Amino acid sequence: MQVSPYLFLYGRCEEAIDFYLQATEGELLYKMTFGDMPDQGEQVGDQSAPPLPPEKIMHAQLRIGEGELMLSDGNTDQPPASEHAGYAVSLSTTDVEQGKAWFEKLSAGGKVTTPWQETFWSNGFAMFIDKFGIPWRINVEKPQE
């Protein structure tokens, strides 16, 4: 079984895909726009809703390290939540330089809530909200003793 975060970017998904791939050196596994969907005449969900923009992302999957991240523009008419509570995307590594690089690249244009630092459990740790409003945590695992 695999659990994957699914992020909704409300019209900024393409930009987020490019940003996350560059920052993490990840891999694009799959991307489909609303215009690529078969049977565009049959709208799924709320039939009274306006059609979704064909150039926006219906679904995308990225591989980052050994994990996967799923993304979508979702319903682009729905504004994002003002507060992201109850979750964060977490990246873990044993390489301090890799952790610092992820932190510097992913936090660019965002808001750092916990600066990069060594902790009792980690050789490097930081928390931030990226420029898309998504909360992240970067953790450099200490070797098991």
N, C-alpha and C. Protein backbone atom coordinates (compact mmCIF):
# COMPACT_ATOMS: atom_id res chain seq x y z
N MET A 1 0.84 -1.18 0.00
CA MET A 1 0.00 0.00 0.00
C MET A 1 0.89 1.24 0.00
N GLN A 2 0.43 2.26 -0.69
CA GLN A 2 1.15 3.52 -0.73
C GLN A 2 0.17 4.65 -0.44
N VAL A 3 0.57 5.58 0.39
CA VAL A 3 -0.22 6.77 0.67
C VAL A 3 0.48 7.95 0.01
N SER A 4 -0.28 8.74 -0.76
CA SER A 4 0.31 9.88 -1.47
C SER A 4 -0.49 11.14 -1.19
N PRO A 5 0.17 12.24 -0.87
CA PRO A 5 -0.54 13.51 -0.75
C PRO A 5 -1.11 13.92 -2.11
N TYR A 6 -2.28 14.55 -2.09
CA TYR A 6 -2.91 15.05 -3.31
C TYR A 6 -3.14 16.55 -3.10
N LEU A 7 -2.41 17.37 -3.82
CA LEU A 7 -2.48 18.82 -3.65
C LEU A 7 -3.35 19.45 -4.72
N PHE A 8 -4.20 20.38 -4.31
CA PHE A 8 -5.05 21.13 -5.24
C PHE A 8 -4.53 22.56 -5.29
N LEU A 9 -4.15 23.00 -6.50
CA LEU A 9 -3.46 24.27 -6.67
C LEU A 9 -4.33 25.36 -7.29
N TYR A 10 -5.59 25.12 -7.55
CA TYR A 10 -6.56 26.14 -7.94
C TYR A 10 -6.06 27.08 -9.03
N GLY A 11 -5.65 26.50 -10.15
CA GLY A 11 -5.24 27.31 -11.29
C GLY A 11 -3.74 27.51 -11.42
N ARG A 12 -2.95 27.05 -10.44
CA ARG A 12 -1.49 27.24 -10.48
C ARG A 12 -0.75 25.90 -10.55
N CYS A 13 -1.44 24.84 -10.94
CA CYS A 13 -0.85 23.50 -10.92
C CYS A 13 0.35 23.38 -11.85
N GLU A 14 0.24 23.87 -13.07
CA GLU A 14 1.35 23.77 -14.03
C GLU A 14 2.61 24.44 -13.47
N GLU A 15 2.43 25.62 -12.90
CA GLU A 15 3.54 26.35 -12.28
C GLU A 15 4.13 25.55 -11.11
N ALA A 16 3.27 24.96 -10.29
CA ALA A 16 3.73 24.17 -9.15
C ALA A 16 4.48 22.93 -9.60
N ILE A 17 4.00 22.26 -10.64
CA ILE A 17 4.69 21.07 -11.17
C ILE A 17 6.12 21.44 -11.56
N ASP A 18 6.27 22.50 -12.34
CA ASP A 18 7.61 22.93 -12.77
C ASP A 18 8.49 23.28 -11.58
N PHE A 19 7.92 24.01 -10.63
CA PHE A 19 8.66 24.44 -9.44
C PHE A 19 9.11 23.24 -8.61
N TYR A 20 8.20 22.31 -8.33
CA TYR A 20 8.53 21.15 -7.50
C TYR A 20 9.53 20.22 -8.20
N LEU A 21 9.38 20.03 -9.51
CA LEU A 21 10.33 19.18 -10.24
C LEU A 21 11.73 19.78 -10.20
N GLN A 22 11.83 21.08 -10.42
CA GLN A 22 13.15 21.73 -10.40
C GLN A 22 13.75 21.70 -9.01
N ALA A 23 12.94 21.99 -7.99
CA ALA A 23 13.45 22.07 -6.62
C ALA A 23 13.88 20.72 -6.06
N THR A 24 13.21 19.64 -6.47
CA THR A 24 13.49 18.32 -5.88
C THR A 24 14.21 17.38 -6.83
N GLU A 25 14.43 17.82 -8.08
CA GLU A 25 14.98 16.94 -9.12
C GLU A 25 14.11 15.70 -9.27
N GLY A 26 12.81 15.91 -9.14
CA GLY A 26 11.83 14.82 -9.26
C GLY A 26 11.57 14.46 -10.71
N GLU A 27 10.61 13.56 -10.88
CA GLU A 27 10.27 13.05 -12.21
C GLU A 27 8.76 13.16 -12.42
N LEU A 28 8.36 13.67 -13.58
CA LEU A 28 6.95 13.72 -13.94
C LEU A 28 6.53 12.34 -14.43
N LEU A 29 5.58 11.72 -13.73
CA LEU A 29 5.11 10.40 -14.11
C LEU A 29 3.89 10.47 -15.02
N TYR A 30 3.04 11.49 -14.82
CA TYR A 30 1.78 11.54 -15.57
C TYR A 30 1.22 12.95 -15.46
N LYS A 31 0.62 13.41 -16.56
CA LYS A 31 -0.07 14.70 -16.54
C LYS A 31 -1.19 14.68 -17.57
N MET A 32 -2.40 15.06 -17.14
CA MET A 32 -3.55 15.16 -18.04
C MET A 32 -4.28 16.46 -17.75
N THR A 33 -4.61 17.19 -18.82
CA THR A 33 -5.40 18.41 -18.67
C THR A 33 -6.88 18.06 -18.76
N PHE A 34 -7.72 19.01 -18.37
CA PHE A 34 -9.16 18.80 -18.52
C PHE A 34 -9.51 18.63 -19.99
N GLY A 35 -8.77 19.32 -20.88
CA GLY A 35 -9.00 19.19 -22.32
C GLY A 35 -8.62 17.83 -22.87
N ASP A 36 -7.71 17.12 -22.19
CA ASP A 36 -7.30 15.78 -22.62
C ASP A 36 -8.30 14.70 -22.22
N MET A 37 -9.24 15.04 -21.35
CA MET A 37 -10.18 14.03 -20.87
C MET A 37 -11.05 13.52 -22.01
N PRO A 38 -11.32 12.21 -22.04
CA PRO A 38 -12.24 11.69 -23.05
C PRO A 38 -13.66 12.15 -22.74
N ASP A 39 -14.50 12.21 -23.76
CA ASP A 39 -15.91 12.56 -23.59
C ASP A 39 -16.10 13.87 -22.85
N GLN A 40 -15.46 14.93 -23.34
CA GLN A 40 -15.58 16.23 -22.70
C GLN A 40 -17.04 16.67 -22.58
N GLY A 41 -17.92 16.13 -23.42
CA GLY A 41 -19.32 16.51 -23.35
C GLY A 41 -20.02 16.02 -22.10
N GLU A 42 -19.49 15.02 -21.45
CA GLU A 42 -20.09 14.47 -20.24
C GLU A 42 -19.35 15.00 -19.02
N GLN A 43 -19.91 16.02 -18.39
CA GLN A 43 -19.25 16.60 -17.22
C GLN A 43 -19.53 15.75 -16.00
N VAL A 44 -18.49 15.47 -15.25
CA VAL A 44 -18.62 14.71 -14.02
C VAL A 44 -18.89 15.67 -12.87
N GLY A 45 -19.74 15.28 -11.93
CA GLY A 45 -19.99 16.11 -10.76
C GLY A 45 -21.14 17.06 -10.99
N ASP A 46 -21.02 18.28 -10.47
CA ASP A 46 -22.07 19.29 -10.52
C ASP A 46 -22.34 19.68 -11.97
N GLN A 47 -23.49 19.27 -12.49
CA GLN A 47 -23.84 19.53 -13.90
C GLN A 47 -24.10 21.01 -14.17
N SER A 48 -24.40 21.79 -13.13
CA SER A 48 -24.66 23.21 -13.33
C SER A 48 -23.37 24.04 -13.33
N ALA A 49 -22.26 23.44 -12.94
CA ALA A 49 -20.98 24.16 -12.89
C ALA A 49 -20.50 24.44 -14.31
N PRO A 50 -19.82 25.57 -14.51
CA PRO A 50 -19.28 25.86 -15.85
C PRO A 50 -18.19 24.84 -16.19
N PRO A 51 -17.96 24.60 -17.48
CA PRO A 51 -16.89 23.67 -17.87
C PRO A 51 -15.54 24.16 -17.34
N LEU A 52 -14.69 23.22 -16.99
CA LEU A 52 -13.36 23.57 -16.49
C LEU A 52 -12.46 23.95 -17.65
N PRO A 53 -11.54 24.90 -17.45
CA PRO A 53 -10.66 25.34 -18.54
C PRO A 53 -9.84 24.16 -19.09
N PRO A 54 -9.87 23.96 -20.41
CA PRO A 54 -9.21 22.79 -21.00
C PRO A 54 -7.70 22.74 -20.80
N GLU A 55 -7.06 23.89 -20.59
CA GLU A 55 -5.60 23.91 -20.42
C GLU A 55 -5.16 23.62 -18.99
N LYS A 56 -6.10 23.60 -18.06
CA LYS A 56 -5.75 23.37 -16.65
C LYS A 56 -5.56 21.88 -16.38
N ILE A 57 -4.80 21.57 -15.31
CA ILE A 57 -4.41 20.19 -15.00
C ILE A 57 -5.52 19.47 -14.25
N MET A 58 -5.99 18.36 -14.84
CA MET A 58 -6.95 17.50 -14.16
C MET A 58 -6.24 16.63 -13.13
N HIS A 59 -5.09 16.04 -13.54
CA HIS A 59 -4.35 15.15 -12.64
C HIS A 59 -2.90 15.07 -13.09
N ALA A 60 -2.00 15.10 -12.12
CA ALA A 60 -0.58 14.90 -12.40
C ALA A 60 0.03 14.11 -11.25
N GLN A 61 1.07 13.36 -11.56
CA GLN A 61 1.80 12.60 -10.56
C GLN A 61 3.29 12.85 -10.73
N LEU A 62 3.96 13.14 -9.62
CA LEU A 62 5.40 13.34 -9.60
C LEU A 62 6.03 12.27 -8.72
N ARG A 63 7.20 11.83 -9.09
CA ARG A 63 8.00 10.98 -8.19
C ARG A 63 9.08 11.87 -7.61
N ILE A 64 9.12 11.90 -6.28
CA ILE A 64 10.14 12.64 -5.56
C ILE A 64 10.81 11.64 -4.64
N GLY A 65 12.06 11.32 -4.95
CA GLY A 65 12.73 10.26 -4.20
C GLY A 65 11.98 8.95 -4.40
N GLU A 66 11.59 8.32 -3.32
CA GLU A 66 10.86 7.06 -3.39
C GLU A 66 9.35 7.26 -3.25
N GLY A 67 8.91 8.50 -3.08
CA GLY A 67 7.49 8.78 -2.89
C GLY A 67 6.87 9.44 -4.11
N GLU A 68 5.55 9.55 -4.06
CA GLU A 68 4.81 10.20 -5.14
C GLU A 68 3.95 11.32 -4.58
N LEU A 69 3.79 12.36 -5.38
CA LEU A 69 2.97 13.50 -5.05
C LEU A 69 1.97 13.67 -6.19
N MET A 70 0.69 13.78 -5.85
CA MET A 70 -0.33 13.99 -6.87
C MET A 70 -0.82 15.43 -6.78
N LEU A 71 -1.14 16.01 -7.95
CA LEU A 71 -1.54 17.41 -8.01
C LEU A 71 -2.67 17.60 -9.01
N SER A 72 -3.45 18.67 -8.80
CA SER A 72 -4.52 19.02 -9.72
C SER A 72 -4.84 20.50 -9.55
N ASP A 73 -5.38 21.10 -10.62
CA ASP A 73 -5.94 22.44 -10.46
C ASP A 73 -7.27 22.36 -9.73
N GLY A 74 -7.89 21.17 -9.71
CA GLY A 74 -9.17 21.02 -9.04
C GLY A 74 -10.21 21.90 -9.70
N ASN A 75 -11.21 22.27 -8.93
CA ASN A 75 -12.22 23.20 -9.41
C ASN A 75 -11.61 24.59 -9.31
N THR A 76 -11.20 25.14 -10.43
CA THR A 76 -10.48 26.42 -10.41
C THR A 76 -11.35 27.58 -9.97
N ASP A 77 -12.68 27.38 -9.87
CA ASP A 77 -13.57 28.43 -9.36
C ASP A 77 -13.58 28.46 -7.84
N GLN A 78 -13.11 27.39 -7.22
CA GLN A 78 -13.11 27.29 -5.77
C GLN A 78 -11.82 27.90 -5.23
N PRO A 79 -11.92 28.91 -4.37
CA PRO A 79 -10.69 29.51 -3.85
C PRO A 79 -10.01 28.57 -2.86
N PRO A 80 -8.68 28.66 -2.76
CA PRO A 80 -7.98 27.83 -1.79
C PRO A 80 -8.33 28.24 -0.36
N ALA A 81 -8.18 27.32 0.55
CA ALA A 81 -8.41 27.62 1.97
C ALA A 81 -7.40 28.67 2.42
N SER A 82 -7.82 29.55 3.30
CA SER A 82 -6.90 30.58 3.79
C SER A 82 -5.89 29.99 4.77
N GLU A 83 -6.25 28.92 5.45
CA GLU A 83 -5.35 28.26 6.39
C GLU A 83 -5.26 26.79 6.02
N HIS A 84 -4.04 26.30 5.86
CA HIS A 84 -3.82 24.88 5.63
C HIS A 84 -3.55 24.27 7.00
N ALA A 85 -4.54 23.58 7.55
CA ALA A 85 -4.39 23.01 8.88
C ALA A 85 -4.55 21.49 8.81
N GLY A 86 -3.78 20.81 9.61
CA GLY A 86 -3.95 19.37 9.73
C GLY A 86 -3.07 18.55 8.81
N TYR A 87 -2.20 19.18 8.03
CA TYR A 87 -1.30 18.41 7.17
C TYR A 87 -0.09 19.26 6.79
N ALA A 88 0.95 18.57 6.35
CA ALA A 88 2.13 19.19 5.74
C ALA A 88 2.75 18.13 4.85
N VAL A 89 3.38 18.55 3.78
CA VAL A 89 4.14 17.63 2.94
C VAL A 89 5.53 17.54 3.56
N SER A 90 6.01 16.33 3.77
CA SER A 90 7.29 16.12 4.43
C SER A 90 8.27 15.43 3.49
N LEU A 91 9.48 15.97 3.42
CA LEU A 91 10.58 15.34 2.68
C LEU A 91 11.65 14.97 3.68
N SER A 92 12.10 13.72 3.63
CA SER A 92 13.14 13.23 4.54
C SER A 92 14.32 12.72 3.74
N THR A 93 15.51 12.92 4.29
CA THR A 93 16.75 12.45 3.69
C THR A 93 17.75 12.20 4.80
N THR A 94 18.85 11.55 4.48
CA THR A 94 19.96 11.42 5.43
C THR A 94 21.11 12.34 5.05
N ASP A 95 20.96 13.08 3.97
CA ASP A 95 22.00 13.95 3.42
C ASP A 95 21.70 15.42 3.77
N VAL A 96 22.53 16.01 4.62
CA VAL A 96 22.31 17.39 5.07
C VAL A 96 22.28 18.36 3.89
N GLU A 97 23.21 18.22 2.96
CA GLU A 97 23.24 19.13 1.81
C GLU A 97 21.98 19.01 0.96
N GLN A 98 21.47 17.80 0.79
CA GLN A 98 20.21 17.60 0.05
C GLN A 98 19.06 18.29 0.78
N GLY A 99 18.99 18.12 2.10
CA GLY A 99 17.94 18.77 2.88
C GLY A 99 18.00 20.28 2.77
N LYS A 100 19.19 20.85 2.88
CA LYS A 100 19.36 22.30 2.75
C LYS A 100 18.93 22.78 1.36
N ALA A 101 19.31 22.03 0.34
CA ALA A 101 18.95 22.41 -1.03
C ALA A 101 17.44 22.39 -1.21
N TRP A 102 16.77 21.34 -0.73
CA TRP A 102 15.30 21.30 -0.82
C TRP A 102 14.70 22.50 -0.11
N PHE A 103 15.18 22.77 1.10
CA PHE A 103 14.66 23.89 1.88
C PHE A 103 14.82 25.21 1.13
N GLU A 104 16.02 25.49 0.64
CA GLU A 104 16.28 26.75 -0.05
C GLU A 104 15.43 26.90 -1.30
N LYS A 105 15.31 25.83 -2.08
CA LYS A 105 14.56 25.92 -3.34
C LYS A 105 13.06 25.96 -3.11
N LEU A 106 12.54 25.08 -2.26
CA LEU A 106 11.09 25.00 -2.06
C LEU A 106 10.53 26.18 -1.26
N SER A 107 11.32 26.76 -0.38
CA SER A 107 10.82 27.88 0.43
C SER A 107 10.94 29.22 -0.29
N ALA A 108 11.63 29.26 -1.44
CA ALA A 108 11.80 30.51 -2.19
C ALA A 108 10.43 31.09 -2.55
N GLY A 109 10.21 32.32 -2.17
CA GLY A 109 8.95 32.99 -2.46
C GLY A 109 7.85 32.66 -1.47
N GLY A 110 8.15 31.83 -0.49
CA GLY A 110 7.17 31.44 0.52
C GLY A 110 7.45 32.10 1.86
N LYS A 111 6.95 31.47 2.92
CA LYS A 111 7.12 32.00 4.28
C LYS A 111 7.74 30.92 5.15
N VAL A 112 8.94 31.18 5.67
CA VAL A 112 9.62 30.25 6.56
C VAL A 112 9.01 30.39 7.95
N THR A 113 8.54 29.27 8.51
CA THR A 113 7.96 29.29 9.85
C THR A 113 8.92 28.76 10.90
N THR A 114 9.83 27.87 10.51
CA THR A 114 10.91 27.38 11.37
C THR A 114 12.17 27.37 10.52
N PRO A 115 13.13 28.24 10.82
CA PRO A 115 14.35 28.30 10.01
C PRO A 115 15.14 26.99 10.07
N TRP A 116 16.01 26.81 9.07
CA TRP A 116 16.87 25.62 9.00
C TRP A 116 17.70 25.54 10.27
N GLN A 117 17.67 24.38 10.92
CA GLN A 117 18.41 24.21 12.17
C GLN A 117 18.63 22.73 12.48
N GLU A 118 19.61 22.47 13.31
CA GLU A 118 19.83 21.12 13.83
C GLU A 118 18.96 20.98 15.08
N THR A 119 18.38 19.81 15.27
CA THR A 119 17.55 19.55 16.45
C THR A 119 18.04 18.28 17.14
N PHE A 120 17.42 17.95 18.26
CA PHE A 120 17.83 16.73 18.96
C PHE A 120 17.50 15.47 18.16
N TRP A 121 16.53 15.54 17.24
CA TRP A 121 16.15 14.37 16.45
C TRP A 121 16.69 14.41 15.01
N SER A 122 17.25 15.56 14.62
CA SER A 122 17.56 15.75 13.21
C SER A 122 18.87 16.51 13.01
N ASN A 123 19.59 16.15 11.95
CA ASN A 123 20.79 16.89 11.56
C ASN A 123 20.44 18.15 10.77
N GLY A 124 19.18 18.34 10.48
CA GLY A 124 18.69 19.52 9.78
C GLY A 124 17.18 19.45 9.69
N PHE A 125 16.51 20.56 10.01
CA PHE A 125 15.05 20.57 10.03
C PHE A 125 14.58 21.98 9.73
N ALA A 126 13.48 22.10 8.98
CA ALA A 126 12.86 23.40 8.72
C ALA A 126 11.40 23.19 8.36
N MET A 127 10.61 24.22 8.59
CA MET A 127 9.19 24.22 8.19
C MET A 127 8.91 25.54 7.47
N PHE A 128 8.06 25.46 6.45
CA PHE A 128 7.72 26.66 5.69
C PHE A 128 6.43 26.42 4.92
N ILE A 129 5.86 27.51 4.44
CA ILE A 129 4.70 27.47 3.55
C ILE A 129 5.21 27.98 2.22
N ASP A 130 5.07 27.16 1.18
CA ASP A 130 5.64 27.56 -0.12
C ASP A 130 4.80 28.64 -0.79
N LYS A 131 5.25 29.10 -1.92
CA LYS A 131 4.58 30.22 -2.61
C LYS A 131 3.20 29.85 -3.12
N PHE A 132 2.83 28.57 -3.05
CA PHE A 132 1.49 28.13 -3.45
C PHE A 132 0.58 27.95 -2.24
N GLY A 133 1.10 28.22 -1.03
CA GLY A 133 0.32 28.08 0.19
C GLY A 133 0.35 26.68 0.79
N ILE A 134 1.26 25.82 0.32
CA ILE A 134 1.35 24.44 0.80
C ILE A 134 2.39 24.37 1.92
N PRO A 135 2.02 23.81 3.10
CA PRO A 135 2.99 23.67 4.18
C PRO A 135 3.93 22.48 3.95
N TRP A 136 5.21 22.69 4.22
CA TRP A 136 6.25 21.67 4.04
C TRP A 136 7.09 21.54 5.30
N ARG A 137 7.68 20.35 5.45
CA ARG A 137 8.69 20.08 6.48
C ARG A 137 9.83 19.33 5.82
N ILE A 138 11.04 19.77 6.08
CA ILE A 138 12.23 19.08 5.58
C ILE A 138 12.94 18.52 6.81
N ASN A 139 13.30 17.24 6.76
CA ASN A 139 13.93 16.58 7.90
C ASN A 139 15.13 15.77 7.43
N VAL A 140 16.28 16.00 8.07
CA VAL A 140 17.48 15.19 7.80
C VAL A 140 17.62 14.22 8.97
N GLU A 141 17.37 12.95 8.67
CA GLU A 141 17.37 11.92 9.71
C GLU A 141 18.78 11.70 10.26
N LYS A 142 18.87 11.57 11.59
CA LYS A 142 20.14 11.20 12.22
C LYS A 142 20.34 9.70 12.06
N PRO A 143 21.58 9.27 11.92
CA PRO A 143 21.83 7.82 11.81
C PRO A 143 21.36 7.09 13.07
N GLN A 144 20.83 5.89 12.89
CA GLN A 144 20.42 5.06 14.02
C GLN A 144 21.65 4.63 14.80
N GLU A 145 21.58 4.71 16.10
CA GLU A 145 22.73 4.29 16.93
C GLU A 145 22.54 2.89 17.44
